[in-house]
Amino acid sequence: MARQVDFQGTSTDTAEAQPASAREARRTTKKTKQEYKDQALRLRAQRTSLPIYSARSAIIQSVQQNPTVVIVGETGSGKTTQIPQYLVESGFTEYGRTAIAVTQPRRVAATSIAKRVAEE
């Protein structure tokens, strides 16, 4: 199947002379930046609404003062996704020397949790 392109009347203006893909890429990039901002605001609102958020300072203090801390909470309270972030944000990691790890009994759970933490 042949494709016919009509070049008559084509503008020489630089904005018009750019391939459609370049113009579209810029529009998409701008849209993506706004989407990231919107997503960040949504995630922040979700993080602060989790039950564990109100215990953040107590958790950090307990980890600072004790070698082992056991945290018990309901499913969906934010234990798995938020506590590692609280520890990183509070300076408990040192690049190349310390790490924070979260284990899960199933690969699917581990993968979905890792994805969620990465998004946040």
N, C-alpha and C. Protein backbone atom coordinates (compact mmCIF):
# COMPACT_ATOMS: atom_id res chain seq x y z
N MET A 1 0.85 -1.17 0.00
CA MET A 1 0.00 0.00 0.00
C MET A 1 0.90 1.23 0.00
N ALA A 2 0.74 2.09 -0.96
CA ALA A 2 1.56 3.28 -1.10
C ALA A 2 1.00 4.41 -0.26
N ARG A 3 1.90 5.24 0.22
CA ARG A 3 1.49 6.40 1.00
C ARG A 3 1.88 7.65 0.24
N GLN A 4 0.96 8.56 0.09
CA GLN A 4 1.21 9.79 -0.65
C GLN A 4 1.32 10.94 0.33
N VAL A 5 2.37 11.74 0.16
CA VAL A 5 2.58 12.90 1.02
C VAL A 5 2.59 14.14 0.15
N ASP A 6 1.79 15.12 0.50
CA ASP A 6 1.71 16.37 -0.24
C ASP A 6 2.52 17.42 0.49
N PHE A 7 3.60 17.90 -0.14
CA PHE A 7 4.46 18.90 0.48
C PHE A 7 4.12 20.32 0.05
N GLN A 8 3.14 20.50 -0.78
CA GLN A 8 2.76 21.84 -1.22
C GLN A 8 2.15 22.60 -0.06
N GLY A 9 2.58 23.83 0.08
CA GLY A 9 2.02 24.67 1.13
C GLY A 9 2.59 24.37 2.50
N THR A 10 3.69 23.62 2.55
CA THR A 10 4.31 23.32 3.83
C THR A 10 5.01 24.56 4.35
N SER A 11 4.80 24.89 5.58
CA SER A 11 5.39 26.07 6.19
C SER A 11 6.87 25.85 6.47
N THR A 12 7.66 26.93 6.40
CA THR A 12 9.07 26.84 6.75
C THR A 12 9.31 27.34 8.16
N ASP A 13 8.27 27.69 8.87
CA ASP A 13 8.39 28.11 10.25
C ASP A 13 9.02 26.98 11.05
N THR A 14 9.97 27.30 11.95
CA THR A 14 10.70 26.25 12.68
C THR A 14 9.77 25.41 13.55
N ALA A 15 8.79 26.04 14.15
CA ALA A 15 7.86 25.27 14.99
C ALA A 15 7.07 24.29 14.15
N GLU A 16 6.70 24.74 12.95
CA GLU A 16 5.94 23.88 12.06
C GLU A 16 6.83 22.87 11.36
N ALA A 17 8.12 23.21 11.17
CA ALA A 17 9.02 22.34 10.42
C ALA A 17 9.47 21.14 11.24
N GLN A 18 9.29 21.17 12.53
CA GLN A 18 9.70 20.05 13.36
C GLN A 18 8.81 18.85 13.09
N PRO A 19 9.38 17.67 13.17
CA PRO A 19 8.55 16.48 13.00
C PRO A 19 7.46 16.45 14.07
N ALA A 20 6.35 15.89 13.72
CA ALA A 20 5.24 15.80 14.67
C ALA A 20 5.68 15.06 15.92
N SER A 21 6.54 14.08 15.78
CA SER A 21 6.97 13.30 16.94
C SER A 21 7.72 14.17 17.95
N ALA A 22 8.53 15.14 17.50
CA ALA A 22 9.25 16.03 18.41
C ALA A 22 8.28 16.94 19.15
N ARG A 23 7.31 17.49 18.41
CA ARG A 23 6.31 18.34 19.06
C ARG A 23 5.50 17.52 20.06
N GLU A 24 5.12 16.34 19.64
CA GLU A 24 4.34 15.47 20.52
C GLU A 24 5.14 15.07 21.75
N ALA A 25 6.43 14.83 21.57
CA ALA A 25 7.29 14.45 22.70
C ALA A 25 7.33 15.56 23.74
N ARG A 26 7.44 16.81 23.30
CA ARG A 26 7.45 17.92 24.25
C ARG A 26 6.12 18.04 24.97
N ARG A 27 5.02 17.89 24.24
CA ARG A 27 3.70 17.94 24.87
C ARG A 27 3.56 16.82 25.89
N THR A 28 4.01 15.65 25.52
CA THR A 28 3.93 14.49 26.42
C THR A 28 4.79 14.71 27.65
N THR A 29 5.99 15.28 27.46
CA THR A 29 6.87 15.55 28.59
C THR A 29 6.22 16.52 29.55
N LYS A 30 5.65 17.59 29.04
CA LYS A 30 4.98 18.55 29.90
C LYS A 30 3.82 17.90 30.64
N LYS A 31 3.07 17.12 29.94
CA LYS A 31 1.95 16.42 30.55
C LYS A 31 2.45 15.46 31.62
N THR A 32 3.54 14.76 31.34
CA THR A 32 4.08 13.80 32.28
C THR A 32 4.57 14.50 33.55
N LYS A 33 5.20 15.66 33.41
CA LYS A 33 5.65 16.40 34.59
C LYS A 33 4.47 16.74 35.49
N GLN A 34 3.39 17.20 34.88
CA GLN A 34 2.21 17.53 35.67
C GLN A 34 1.62 16.28 36.30
N GLU A 35 1.62 15.19 35.56
CA GLU A 35 1.12 13.93 36.11
C GLU A 35 1.94 13.50 37.31
N TYR A 36 3.28 13.66 37.22
CA TYR A 36 4.13 13.31 38.36
C TYR A 36 3.82 14.18 39.56
N LYS A 37 3.61 15.46 39.34
CA LYS A 37 3.27 16.36 40.44
C LYS A 37 1.96 15.94 41.09
N ASP A 38 0.96 15.66 40.25
CA ASP A 38 -0.34 15.23 40.77
C ASP A 38 -0.21 13.92 41.54
N GLN A 39 0.57 12.99 41.00
CA GLN A 39 0.76 11.70 41.66
C GLN A 39 1.47 11.90 43.01
N ALA A 40 2.47 12.76 43.05
CA ALA A 40 3.19 13.01 44.30
C ALA A 40 2.25 13.58 45.36
N LEU A 41 1.38 14.48 44.96
CA LEU A 41 0.42 15.04 45.91
C LEU A 41 -0.56 13.99 46.41
N ARG A 42 -1.02 13.14 45.49
CA ARG A 42 -1.93 12.06 45.89
C ARG A 42 -1.24 11.09 46.86
N LEU A 43 0.00 10.72 46.54
CA LEU A 43 0.73 9.79 47.40
C LEU A 43 1.00 10.39 48.77
N ARG A 44 1.34 11.68 48.80
CA ARG A 44 1.58 12.33 50.09
C ARG A 44 0.31 12.31 50.94
N ALA A 45 -0.82 12.60 50.31
CA ALA A 45 -2.09 12.57 51.04
C ALA A 45 -2.39 11.17 51.55
N GLN A 46 -2.12 10.17 50.72
CA GLN A 46 -2.35 8.79 51.14
C GLN A 46 -1.43 8.41 52.30
N ARG A 47 -0.15 8.79 52.19
CA ARG A 47 0.82 8.45 53.24
C ARG A 47 0.43 9.06 54.58
N THR A 48 0.00 10.31 54.56
CA THR A 48 -0.34 10.97 55.82
C THR A 48 -1.67 10.49 56.39
N SER A 49 -2.48 9.84 55.57
CA SER A 49 -3.76 9.34 56.07
C SER A 49 -3.67 7.92 56.63
N LEU A 50 -2.53 7.26 56.45
CA LEU A 50 -2.37 5.90 56.97
C LEU A 50 -2.28 5.92 58.50
N PRO A 51 -2.83 4.90 59.17
CA PRO A 51 -2.80 4.85 60.63
C PRO A 51 -1.39 4.95 61.23
N ILE A 52 -0.40 4.40 60.55
CA ILE A 52 0.96 4.40 61.10
C ILE A 52 1.60 5.78 61.10
N TYR A 53 1.09 6.69 60.30
CA TYR A 53 1.68 8.03 60.21
C TYR A 53 1.69 8.73 61.57
N SER A 54 0.65 8.56 62.34
CA SER A 54 0.58 9.23 63.65
C SER A 54 1.61 8.67 64.63
N ALA A 55 2.13 7.48 64.36
CA ALA A 55 3.13 6.86 65.25
C ALA A 55 4.55 7.02 64.72
N ARG A 56 4.73 7.82 63.68
CA ARG A 56 6.03 7.95 63.03
C ARG A 56 7.15 8.32 64.00
N SER A 57 6.98 9.36 64.77
CA SER A 57 8.05 9.80 65.67
C SER A 57 8.33 8.76 66.76
N ALA A 58 7.30 8.10 67.24
CA ALA A 58 7.50 7.05 68.26
C ALA A 58 8.27 5.87 67.67
N ILE A 59 7.99 5.53 66.42
CA ILE A 59 8.71 4.44 65.76
C ILE A 59 10.18 4.80 65.60
N ILE A 60 10.45 5.99 65.11
CA ILE A 60 11.83 6.44 64.92
C ILE A 60 12.57 6.43 66.25
N GLN A 61 11.95 6.96 67.28
CA GLN A 61 12.57 7.00 68.61
C GLN A 61 12.84 5.59 69.13
N SER A 62 11.90 4.68 68.95
CA SER A 62 12.09 3.30 69.41
C SER A 62 13.24 2.62 68.69
N VAL A 63 13.36 2.86 67.39
CA VAL A 63 14.45 2.26 66.62
C VAL A 63 15.80 2.85 67.05
N GLN A 64 15.82 4.13 67.39
CA GLN A 64 17.06 4.76 67.86
C GLN A 64 17.50 4.19 69.20
N GLN A 65 16.55 3.88 70.06
CA GLN A 65 16.87 3.49 71.43
C GLN A 65 16.97 1.98 71.65
N ASN A 66 16.51 1.17 70.69
CA ASN A 66 16.48 -0.28 70.90
C ASN A 66 17.08 -1.01 69.71
N PRO A 67 17.79 -2.13 70.00
CA PRO A 67 18.37 -2.90 68.89
C PRO A 67 17.31 -3.67 68.09
N THR A 68 16.20 -3.99 68.73
CA THR A 68 15.12 -4.73 68.06
C THR A 68 13.79 -4.08 68.41
N VAL A 69 12.98 -3.87 67.40
CA VAL A 69 11.66 -3.27 67.61
C VAL A 69 10.65 -4.11 66.85
N VAL A 70 9.59 -4.51 67.53
CA VAL A 70 8.50 -5.26 66.88
C VAL A 70 7.31 -4.32 66.78
N ILE A 71 6.81 -4.19 65.58
CA ILE A 71 5.67 -3.30 65.35
C ILE A 71 4.49 -4.14 64.88
N VAL A 72 3.39 -3.98 65.56
CA VAL A 72 2.18 -4.74 65.25
C VAL A 72 1.11 -3.75 64.80
N GLY A 73 0.44 -4.10 63.72
CA GLY A 73 -0.62 -3.23 63.22
C GLY A 73 -1.51 -3.99 62.26
N GLU A 74 -2.65 -3.44 62.01
CA GLU A 74 -3.61 -4.06 61.10
C GLU A 74 -3.08 -4.08 59.67
N THR A 75 -3.63 -4.98 58.88
CA THR A 75 -3.33 -5.00 57.45
C THR A 75 -3.75 -3.67 56.84
N GLY A 76 -2.87 -3.10 56.03
CA GLY A 76 -3.18 -1.83 55.39
C GLY A 76 -2.85 -0.61 56.22
N SER A 77 -2.23 -0.81 57.38
CA SER A 77 -1.90 0.33 58.24
C SER A 77 -0.66 1.08 57.77
N GLY A 78 0.14 0.46 56.88
CA GLY A 78 1.32 1.13 56.35
C GLY A 78 2.63 0.62 56.91
N LYS A 79 2.60 -0.45 57.69
CA LYS A 79 3.82 -0.96 58.32
C LYS A 79 4.90 -1.27 57.29
N THR A 80 4.56 -2.04 56.30
CA THR A 80 5.54 -2.54 55.34
C THR A 80 6.05 -1.45 54.40
N THR A 81 5.19 -0.58 53.96
CA THR A 81 5.61 0.42 52.97
C THR A 81 6.15 1.70 53.60
N GLN A 82 5.67 2.06 54.77
CA GLN A 82 6.04 3.35 55.35
C GLN A 82 7.25 3.31 56.27
N ILE A 83 7.37 2.28 57.09
CA ILE A 83 8.47 2.25 58.06
C ILE A 83 9.84 2.31 57.38
N PRO A 84 10.08 1.54 56.32
CA PRO A 84 11.38 1.68 55.65
C PRO A 84 11.63 3.11 55.17
N GLN A 85 10.60 3.76 54.67
CA GLN A 85 10.76 5.14 54.21
C GLN A 85 11.04 6.09 55.38
N TYR A 86 10.36 5.88 56.50
CA TYR A 86 10.62 6.70 57.68
C TYR A 86 12.07 6.57 58.11
N LEU A 87 12.59 5.35 58.08
CA LEU A 87 13.97 5.12 58.51
C LEU A 87 14.96 5.78 57.56
N VAL A 88 14.71 5.66 56.27
CA VAL A 88 15.59 6.31 55.29
C VAL A 88 15.53 7.83 55.46
N GLU A 89 14.34 8.37 55.57
CA GLU A 89 14.17 9.82 55.71
C GLU A 89 14.78 10.35 57.00
N SER A 90 14.90 9.49 58.02
CA SER A 90 15.47 9.90 59.30
C SER A 90 16.97 9.67 59.38
N GLY A 91 17.57 9.21 58.30
CA GLY A 91 19.02 9.07 58.25
C GLY A 91 19.57 7.76 58.78
N PHE A 92 18.79 6.72 58.78
CA PHE A 92 19.27 5.44 59.27
C PHE A 92 20.10 4.66 58.25
N THR A 93 20.24 5.18 57.07
CA THR A 93 21.04 4.49 56.06
C THR A 93 22.27 5.32 55.74
N GLU A 94 23.32 4.62 55.40
CA GLU A 94 24.55 5.26 54.97
C GLU A 94 24.98 4.51 53.72
N TYR A 95 25.08 5.21 52.62
CA TYR A 95 25.35 4.57 51.33
C TYR A 95 26.55 3.63 51.41
N GLY A 96 26.32 2.39 51.03
CA GLY A 96 27.39 1.40 51.00
C GLY A 96 27.69 0.73 52.33
N ARG A 97 27.07 1.20 53.41
CA ARG A 97 27.37 0.63 54.72
C ARG A 97 26.15 0.01 55.39
N THR A 98 25.00 0.57 55.18
CA THR A 98 23.79 0.05 55.81
C THR A 98 22.67 -0.07 54.78
N ALA A 99 21.73 -0.92 55.11
CA ALA A 99 20.58 -1.11 54.22
C ALA A 99 19.36 -1.39 55.08
N ILE A 100 18.23 -1.11 54.51
CA ILE A 100 16.95 -1.45 55.15
C ILE A 100 16.29 -2.46 54.25
N ALA A 101 15.93 -3.59 54.82
CA ALA A 101 15.34 -4.66 54.02
C ALA A 101 13.96 -5.02 54.57
N VAL A 102 13.09 -5.40 53.67
CA VAL A 102 11.75 -5.85 54.02
C VAL A 102 11.58 -7.22 53.37
N THR A 103 11.13 -8.19 54.15
CA THR A 103 10.92 -9.52 53.59
C THR A 103 9.43 -9.82 53.52
N GLN A 104 9.07 -10.64 52.57
CA GLN A 104 7.69 -11.08 52.38
C GLN A 104 7.71 -12.56 52.04
N PRO A 105 6.70 -13.30 52.47
CA PRO A 105 6.70 -14.74 52.21
C PRO A 105 6.41 -15.12 50.76
N ARG A 106 5.90 -14.21 49.98
CA ARG A 106 5.57 -14.53 48.58
C ARG A 106 6.17 -13.49 47.64
N ARG A 107 6.60 -13.97 46.48
CA ARG A 107 7.25 -13.09 45.50
C ARG A 107 6.31 -11.99 45.02
N VAL A 108 5.06 -12.33 44.77
CA VAL A 108 4.11 -11.33 44.27
C VAL A 108 3.95 -10.20 45.28
N ALA A 109 3.84 -10.55 46.55
CA ALA A 109 3.72 -9.52 47.58
C ALA A 109 4.98 -8.67 47.64
N ALA A 110 6.13 -9.30 47.59
CA ALA A 110 7.39 -8.56 47.64
C ALA A 110 7.52 -7.61 46.46
N THR A 111 7.15 -8.07 45.28
CA THR A 111 7.24 -7.25 44.08
C THR A 111 6.29 -6.06 44.14
N SER A 112 5.06 -6.30 44.56
CA SER A 112 4.09 -5.21 44.61
C SER A 112 4.46 -4.19 45.68
N ILE A 113 5.01 -4.65 46.79
CA ILE A 113 5.44 -3.73 47.84
C ILE A 113 6.62 -2.90 47.37
N ALA A 114 7.58 -3.54 46.72
CA ALA A 114 8.75 -2.81 46.21
C ALA A 114 8.32 -1.76 45.20
N LYS A 115 7.36 -2.10 44.36
CA LYS A 115 6.86 -1.14 43.37
C LYS A 115 6.20 0.04 44.06
N ARG A 116 5.41 -0.23 45.08
CA ARG A 116 4.71 0.83 45.81
C ARG A 116 5.71 1.77 46.49
N VAL A 117 6.71 1.20 47.16
CA VAL A 117 7.71 2.03 47.84
C VAL A 117 8.48 2.86 46.82
N ALA A 118 8.81 2.27 45.68
CA ALA A 118 9.53 3.00 44.64
C ALA A 118 8.69 4.16 44.11
N GLU A 119 7.40 3.97 43.97
CA GLU A 119 6.51 5.04 43.50
C GLU A 119 6.49 6.20 44.49
N GLU A 120 6.48 5.86 45.76
CA GLU A 120 6.41 6.89 46.79
C GLU A 120 7.73 7.59 46.93
